[in-house]
Amino acid sequence: QVQLVESGGGLVQAGGSLRLSCTASGRSFNMYAMGWFRQGPGKEREFVASISRSGGSTSYADSAKGRFTISRDNAKNTVYLQMNSLKPEDTAVYYCAAPPPYSSYSYSHPDEYDYWGQGTQVTVSS
């Protein structure tokens, strides 16, 4: 099992930046690809980005490409989501998640992820 705790959310003006962090505890962090998802008001949870166990491969939703960057530091058991040029439509609760150990980093559906953090709120004002 792995436990995930997100941090770094907050209120930011449109065009601003935030960096989210997700720290893992439990089993070896480098056994897991990692993903970020978000859920806006009245919307389903959607994929944002994912990263391979080594950090060498990444995948992004179209809405995140060019603005968001996912990265990880396996020595710190932490995955990050750097968000730039934020828009009001990025307002959501952001979750980090882990699929089963040794899974592909290309998973993009919430059902493919077994472990979830509690979420951190990101609000972008216009």
N, C-alpha and C. Protein backbone atom coordinates (compact mmCIF):
# COMPACT_ATOMS: atom_id res chain seq x y z
N GLN A 1 0.83 -1.19 0.00
CA GLN A 1 0.00 0.00 0.00
C GLN A 1 0.87 1.24 0.00
N VAL A 2 0.32 2.33 -0.53
CA VAL A 2 1.00 3.61 -0.50
C VAL A 2 -0.01 4.66 -0.08
N GLN A 3 0.42 5.58 0.77
CA GLN A 3 -0.42 6.68 1.22
C GLN A 3 0.08 7.96 0.55
N LEU A 4 -0.86 8.78 0.10
CA LEU A 4 -0.54 9.97 -0.67
C LEU A 4 -1.13 11.21 -0.01
N VAL A 5 -0.34 12.26 0.09
CA VAL A 5 -0.80 13.52 0.67
C VAL A 5 -0.40 14.67 -0.25
N GLU A 6 -1.41 15.41 -0.74
CA GLU A 6 -1.16 16.55 -1.62
C GLU A 6 -1.04 17.84 -0.81
N SER A 7 -0.34 18.80 -1.40
CA SER A 7 -0.25 20.13 -0.82
C SER A 7 0.04 21.12 -1.94
N GLY A 8 -0.11 22.41 -1.63
CA GLY A 8 0.27 23.44 -2.58
C GLY A 8 -0.88 24.13 -3.28
N GLY A 9 -2.09 23.70 -3.03
CA GLY A 9 -3.22 24.37 -3.65
C GLY A 9 -3.45 25.75 -3.05
N GLY A 10 -4.38 26.48 -3.66
CA GLY A 10 -4.69 27.81 -3.15
C GLY A 10 -5.45 28.63 -4.16
N LEU A 11 -5.53 29.91 -3.88
CA LEU A 11 -6.22 30.87 -4.74
C LEU A 11 -5.19 31.66 -5.52
N VAL A 12 -5.37 31.74 -6.83
CA VAL A 12 -4.43 32.46 -7.68
C VAL A 12 -5.21 33.17 -8.78
N GLN A 13 -4.68 34.28 -9.24
CA GLN A 13 -5.32 35.01 -10.34
C GLN A 13 -5.01 34.34 -11.68
N ALA A 14 -5.89 34.54 -12.62
CA ALA A 14 -5.67 34.01 -13.96
C ALA A 14 -4.31 34.50 -14.48
N GLY A 15 -3.60 33.59 -15.11
CA GLY A 15 -2.26 33.87 -15.59
C GLY A 15 -1.16 33.54 -14.61
N GLY A 16 -1.54 33.25 -13.38
CA GLY A 16 -0.57 32.94 -12.35
C GLY A 16 -0.12 31.49 -12.38
N SER A 17 0.68 31.12 -11.37
CA SER A 17 1.26 29.79 -11.30
C SER A 17 1.09 29.21 -9.90
N LEU A 18 1.06 27.90 -9.85
CA LEU A 18 1.08 27.15 -8.60
C LEU A 18 1.89 25.88 -8.82
N ARG A 19 2.50 25.39 -7.77
CA ARG A 19 3.15 24.08 -7.82
C ARG A 19 2.52 23.19 -6.76
N LEU A 20 1.94 22.10 -7.20
CA LEU A 20 1.38 21.12 -6.30
C LEU A 20 2.41 20.04 -6.00
N SER A 21 2.36 19.54 -4.78
CA SER A 21 3.24 18.45 -4.37
C SER A 21 2.40 17.30 -3.85
N CYS A 22 2.90 16.11 -4.01
CA CYS A 22 2.24 14.92 -3.48
C CYS A 22 3.35 14.03 -2.91
N THR A 23 3.29 13.81 -1.60
CA THR A 23 4.30 13.02 -0.93
C THR A 23 3.71 11.66 -0.58
N ALA A 24 4.48 10.63 -0.86
CA ALA A 24 4.03 9.26 -0.65
C ALA A 24 4.73 8.63 0.54
N SER A 25 4.04 7.75 1.21
CA SER A 25 4.63 6.95 2.27
C SER A 25 4.11 5.53 2.12
N GLY A 26 4.81 4.60 2.73
CA GLY A 26 4.42 3.21 2.61
C GLY A 26 5.42 2.45 1.77
N ARG A 27 4.96 1.74 0.78
CA ARG A 27 5.84 0.94 -0.06
C ARG A 27 6.74 1.83 -0.92
N SER A 28 7.76 1.24 -1.48
CA SER A 28 8.76 1.98 -2.25
C SER A 28 8.12 2.82 -3.35
N PHE A 29 8.40 4.12 -3.28
CA PHE A 29 7.77 5.06 -4.19
C PHE A 29 8.11 4.75 -5.64
N ASN A 30 9.33 4.30 -5.90
CA ASN A 30 9.72 4.08 -7.29
C ASN A 30 9.12 2.81 -7.90
N MET A 31 8.26 2.13 -7.17
CA MET A 31 7.49 1.03 -7.74
C MET A 31 6.29 1.54 -8.54
N TYR A 32 5.96 2.83 -8.35
CA TYR A 32 4.70 3.36 -8.87
C TYR A 32 4.90 4.45 -9.92
N ALA A 33 4.24 4.27 -11.07
CA ALA A 33 3.97 5.44 -11.90
C ALA A 33 3.01 6.32 -11.10
N MET A 34 2.94 7.59 -11.45
CA MET A 34 2.08 8.50 -10.70
C MET A 34 1.26 9.36 -11.65
N GLY A 35 0.09 9.76 -11.18
CA GLY A 35 -0.76 10.60 -11.99
C GLY A 35 -1.38 11.74 -11.19
N TRP A 36 -1.76 12.78 -11.90
CA TRP A 36 -2.55 13.87 -11.34
C TRP A 36 -3.89 13.90 -12.06
N PHE A 37 -4.95 14.05 -11.28
CA PHE A 37 -6.30 14.20 -11.79
C PHE A 37 -6.91 15.45 -11.17
N ARG A 38 -8.04 15.88 -11.72
CA ARG A 38 -8.76 17.00 -11.12
C ARG A 38 -10.26 16.79 -11.29
N GLN A 39 -11.00 17.42 -10.39
CA GLN A 39 -12.46 17.35 -10.46
C GLN A 39 -13.02 18.73 -10.17
N GLY A 40 -13.58 19.34 -11.20
CA GLY A 40 -14.19 20.64 -11.06
C GLY A 40 -15.62 20.53 -10.57
N PRO A 41 -16.21 21.64 -10.17
CA PRO A 41 -17.59 21.63 -9.66
C PRO A 41 -18.56 21.05 -10.69
N GLY A 42 -19.30 20.03 -10.28
CA GLY A 42 -20.28 19.42 -11.16
C GLY A 42 -19.71 18.61 -12.30
N LYS A 43 -18.42 18.34 -12.24
CA LYS A 43 -17.78 17.60 -13.33
C LYS A 43 -17.24 16.27 -12.84
N GLU A 44 -16.97 15.39 -13.80
CA GLU A 44 -16.34 14.12 -13.46
C GLU A 44 -14.83 14.34 -13.26
N ARG A 45 -14.23 13.41 -12.55
CA ARG A 45 -12.79 13.46 -12.35
C ARG A 45 -12.09 13.21 -13.69
N GLU A 46 -11.11 14.05 -14.00
CA GLU A 46 -10.44 13.93 -15.28
C GLU A 46 -8.93 13.88 -15.12
N PHE A 47 -8.31 13.20 -16.06
CA PHE A 47 -6.86 13.06 -16.11
C PHE A 47 -6.20 14.38 -16.43
N VAL A 48 -5.06 14.64 -15.77
CA VAL A 48 -4.29 15.84 -16.06
C VAL A 48 -2.91 15.46 -16.62
N ALA A 49 -2.19 14.61 -15.88
CA ALA A 49 -0.84 14.25 -16.30
C ALA A 49 -0.40 12.99 -15.57
N SER A 50 0.59 12.31 -16.14
CA SER A 50 1.15 11.14 -15.48
C SER A 50 2.63 11.04 -15.80
N ILE A 51 3.34 10.25 -14.99
CA ILE A 51 4.78 10.15 -15.11
C ILE A 51 5.21 8.73 -14.80
N SER A 52 6.23 8.26 -15.50
CA SER A 52 6.71 6.91 -15.30
C SER A 52 7.47 6.78 -13.98
N ARG A 53 7.80 5.55 -13.63
CA ARG A 53 8.47 5.31 -12.35
C ARG A 53 9.81 6.02 -12.25
N SER A 54 10.53 6.08 -13.34
CA SER A 54 11.84 6.74 -13.33
C SER A 54 11.73 8.24 -13.53
N GLY A 55 10.59 8.69 -14.03
CA GLY A 55 10.43 10.11 -14.38
C GLY A 55 10.83 10.42 -15.80
N GLY A 56 11.25 9.42 -16.54
CA GLY A 56 11.75 9.68 -17.89
C GLY A 56 10.68 9.83 -18.94
N SER A 57 9.44 9.42 -18.61
CA SER A 57 8.34 9.53 -19.58
C SER A 57 7.15 10.19 -18.91
N THR A 58 6.48 11.03 -19.67
CA THR A 58 5.32 11.74 -19.15
C THR A 58 4.20 11.73 -20.18
N SER A 59 3.00 11.98 -19.70
CA SER A 59 1.82 12.07 -20.56
C SER A 59 0.93 13.19 -20.02
N TYR A 60 0.28 13.93 -20.93
CA TYR A 60 -0.54 15.06 -20.52
C TYR A 60 -1.88 15.04 -21.24
N ALA A 61 -2.90 15.52 -20.54
CA ALA A 61 -4.16 15.82 -21.19
C ALA A 61 -3.95 17.04 -22.11
N ASP A 62 -4.76 17.13 -23.13
CA ASP A 62 -4.62 18.26 -24.06
C ASP A 62 -4.74 19.60 -23.33
N SER A 63 -5.58 19.65 -22.32
CA SER A 63 -5.80 20.90 -21.58
C SER A 63 -4.57 21.32 -20.78
N ALA A 64 -3.66 20.38 -20.53
CA ALA A 64 -2.48 20.66 -19.72
C ALA A 64 -1.21 20.87 -20.55
N LYS A 65 -1.22 20.41 -21.76
CA LYS A 65 -0.01 20.50 -22.60
C LYS A 65 0.43 21.95 -22.78
N GLY A 66 1.72 22.16 -22.57
CA GLY A 66 2.29 23.49 -22.75
C GLY A 66 2.15 24.40 -21.56
N ARG A 67 1.32 24.03 -20.59
CA ARG A 67 1.13 24.88 -19.40
C ARG A 67 1.54 24.18 -18.11
N PHE A 68 1.32 22.88 -18.03
CA PHE A 68 1.60 22.11 -16.82
C PHE A 68 2.81 21.20 -17.05
N THR A 69 3.56 20.96 -15.98
CA THR A 69 4.69 20.04 -16.05
C THR A 69 4.65 19.11 -14.84
N ILE A 70 4.65 17.82 -15.10
CA ILE A 70 4.72 16.84 -14.02
C ILE A 70 6.17 16.39 -13.88
N SER A 71 6.59 16.20 -12.64
CA SER A 71 7.94 15.72 -12.37
C SER A 71 7.92 14.95 -11.06
N ARG A 72 9.02 14.28 -10.77
CA ARG A 72 9.09 13.53 -9.52
C ARG A 72 10.51 13.51 -9.01
N ASP A 73 10.62 13.36 -7.69
CA ASP A 73 11.91 13.20 -7.02
C ASP A 73 11.79 11.94 -6.19
N ASN A 74 12.33 10.85 -6.69
CA ASN A 74 12.18 9.57 -5.98
C ASN A 74 12.92 9.56 -4.64
N ALA A 75 13.95 10.35 -4.52
CA ALA A 75 14.67 10.42 -3.24
C ALA A 75 13.81 11.07 -2.16
N LYS A 76 12.87 11.91 -2.58
CA LYS A 76 11.98 12.60 -1.64
C LYS A 76 10.58 12.01 -1.62
N ASN A 77 10.37 10.93 -2.38
CA ASN A 77 9.06 10.29 -2.45
C ASN A 77 7.96 11.28 -2.83
N THR A 78 8.27 12.16 -3.75
CA THR A 78 7.36 13.26 -4.07
C THR A 78 7.18 13.41 -5.58
N VAL A 79 5.95 13.67 -5.98
CA VAL A 79 5.63 14.03 -7.36
C VAL A 79 5.06 15.44 -7.35
N TYR A 80 5.39 16.20 -8.40
CA TYR A 80 5.01 17.59 -8.48
C TYR A 80 4.15 17.85 -9.72
N LEU A 81 3.35 18.90 -9.63
CA LEU A 81 2.66 19.40 -10.81
C LEU A 81 2.84 20.92 -10.82
N GLN A 82 3.69 21.38 -11.72
CA GLN A 82 3.89 22.81 -11.92
C GLN A 82 2.84 23.30 -12.90
N MET A 83 2.06 24.28 -12.47
CA MET A 83 0.97 24.79 -13.30
C MET A 83 1.21 26.26 -13.58
N ASN A 84 1.36 26.59 -14.85
CA ASN A 84 1.58 27.96 -15.28
C ASN A 84 0.42 28.43 -16.15
N SER A 85 0.33 29.74 -16.33
CA SER A 85 -0.71 30.33 -17.18
C SER A 85 -2.09 29.80 -16.81
N LEU A 86 -2.37 29.81 -15.54
CA LEU A 86 -3.62 29.22 -15.05
C LEU A 86 -4.83 30.01 -15.55
N LYS A 87 -5.91 29.27 -15.77
CA LYS A 87 -7.17 29.82 -16.27
C LYS A 87 -8.29 29.52 -15.27
N PRO A 88 -9.34 30.31 -15.29
CA PRO A 88 -10.46 30.00 -14.38
C PRO A 88 -10.99 28.58 -14.55
N GLU A 89 -10.94 28.05 -15.75
CA GLU A 89 -11.44 26.68 -15.97
C GLU A 89 -10.54 25.61 -15.38
N ASP A 90 -9.37 26.00 -14.86
CA ASP A 90 -8.51 25.06 -14.14
C ASP A 90 -8.95 24.89 -12.69
N THR A 91 -9.92 25.67 -12.26
CA THR A 91 -10.42 25.57 -10.89
C THR A 91 -10.98 24.17 -10.64
N ALA A 92 -10.47 23.51 -9.61
CA ALA A 92 -10.86 22.13 -9.32
C ALA A 92 -10.15 21.67 -8.05
N VAL A 93 -10.58 20.53 -7.57
CA VAL A 93 -9.79 19.80 -6.57
C VAL A 93 -8.83 18.91 -7.34
N TYR A 94 -7.56 19.01 -7.01
CA TYR A 94 -6.52 18.23 -7.70
C TYR A 94 -6.09 17.07 -6.81
N TYR A 95 -6.04 15.89 -7.42
CA TYR A 95 -5.69 14.67 -6.72
C TYR A 95 -4.45 14.04 -7.35
N CYS A 96 -3.57 13.52 -6.50
CA CYS A 96 -2.55 12.64 -7.05
C CYS A 96 -2.99 11.20 -6.82
N ALA A 97 -2.50 10.32 -7.65
CA ALA A 97 -2.94 8.93 -7.61
C ALA A 97 -1.84 8.02 -8.10
N ALA A 98 -1.92 6.77 -7.65
CA ALA A 98 -0.96 5.76 -8.07
C ALA A 98 -1.70 4.53 -8.56
N PRO A 99 -1.29 3.97 -9.71
CA PRO A 99 -1.86 2.72 -10.18
C PRO A 99 -1.21 1.56 -9.44
N PRO A 100 -1.57 0.33 -9.75
CA PRO A 100 -0.88 -0.80 -9.10
C PRO A 100 0.63 -0.74 -9.36
N PRO A 101 1.44 -1.35 -8.52
CA PRO A 101 2.89 -1.32 -8.71
C PRO A 101 3.30 -1.82 -10.09
N TYR A 102 4.32 -1.17 -10.64
CA TYR A 102 4.92 -1.56 -11.92
C TYR A 102 3.96 -1.40 -13.11
N SER A 103 2.95 -0.56 -12.95
CA SER A 103 2.02 -0.30 -14.05
C SER A 103 2.61 0.71 -15.03
N SER A 104 1.98 0.78 -16.19
CA SER A 104 2.39 1.75 -17.20
C SER A 104 2.10 3.17 -16.72
N TYR A 105 2.91 4.11 -17.17
CA TYR A 105 2.65 5.52 -16.86
C TYR A 105 1.54 6.08 -17.75
N SER A 106 1.12 5.34 -18.75
CA SER A 106 0.17 5.86 -19.74
C SER A 106 -1.29 5.73 -19.32
N TYR A 107 -1.53 5.18 -18.12
CA TYR A 107 -2.91 5.08 -17.67
C TYR A 107 -3.50 6.48 -17.49
N SER A 108 -4.74 6.65 -17.99
CA SER A 108 -5.37 7.97 -17.91
C SER A 108 -6.80 7.93 -17.39
N HIS A 109 -7.27 6.75 -17.03
CA HIS A 109 -8.63 6.66 -16.51
C HIS A 109 -8.56 6.48 -15.00
N PRO A 110 -9.44 7.16 -14.26
CA PRO A 110 -9.40 7.03 -12.80
C PRO A 110 -9.52 5.58 -12.32
N ASP A 111 -10.26 4.76 -13.04
CA ASP A 111 -10.46 3.37 -12.61
C ASP A 111 -9.16 2.57 -12.65
N GLU A 112 -8.15 3.07 -13.35
CA GLU A 112 -6.88 2.36 -13.45
C GLU A 112 -5.94 2.66 -12.28
N TYR A 113 -6.36 3.54 -11.41
CA TYR A 113 -5.55 3.95 -10.27
C TYR A 113 -6.15 3.41 -8.98
N ASP A 114 -5.28 2.86 -8.15
CA ASP A 114 -5.73 2.21 -6.91
C ASP A 114 -5.64 3.10 -5.68
N TYR A 115 -4.70 4.04 -5.68
CA TYR A 115 -4.42 4.81 -4.47
C TYR A 115 -4.59 6.30 -4.78
N TRP A 116 -5.24 6.99 -3.84
CA TRP A 116 -5.58 8.40 -4.05
C TRP A 116 -5.26 9.22 -2.81
N GLY A 117 -4.84 10.45 -3.04
CA GLY A 117 -4.73 11.39 -1.95
C GLY A 117 -6.08 12.02 -1.65
N GLN A 118 -6.07 12.93 -0.68
CA GLN A 118 -7.33 13.54 -0.25
C GLN A 118 -7.72 14.73 -1.12
N GLY A 119 -6.79 15.21 -1.92
CA GLY A 119 -7.06 16.32 -2.83
C GLY A 119 -6.66 17.66 -2.24
N THR A 120 -6.36 18.59 -3.13
CA THR A 120 -6.04 19.96 -2.74
C THR A 120 -6.77 20.91 -3.69
N GLN A 121 -7.40 21.93 -3.12
CA GLN A 121 -8.23 22.84 -3.90
C GLN A 121 -7.36 23.88 -4.62
N VAL A 122 -7.63 24.04 -5.89
CA VAL A 122 -7.03 25.11 -6.69
C VAL A 122 -8.16 25.97 -7.22
N THR A 123 -8.10 27.26 -6.92
CA THR A 123 -9.10 28.20 -7.40
C THR A 123 -8.40 29.30 -8.18
N VAL A 124 -8.85 29.51 -9.43
CA VAL A 124 -8.26 30.52 -10.29
C VAL A 124 -9.32 31.59 -10.53
N SER A 125 -9.02 32.80 -10.09
CA SER A 125 -9.97 33.89 -10.26
C SER A 125 -9.68 34.65 -11.55
N SER A 126 -10.75 35.18 -12.13
CA SER A 126 -10.62 35.91 -13.41
C SER A 126 -10.34 37.38 -13.18
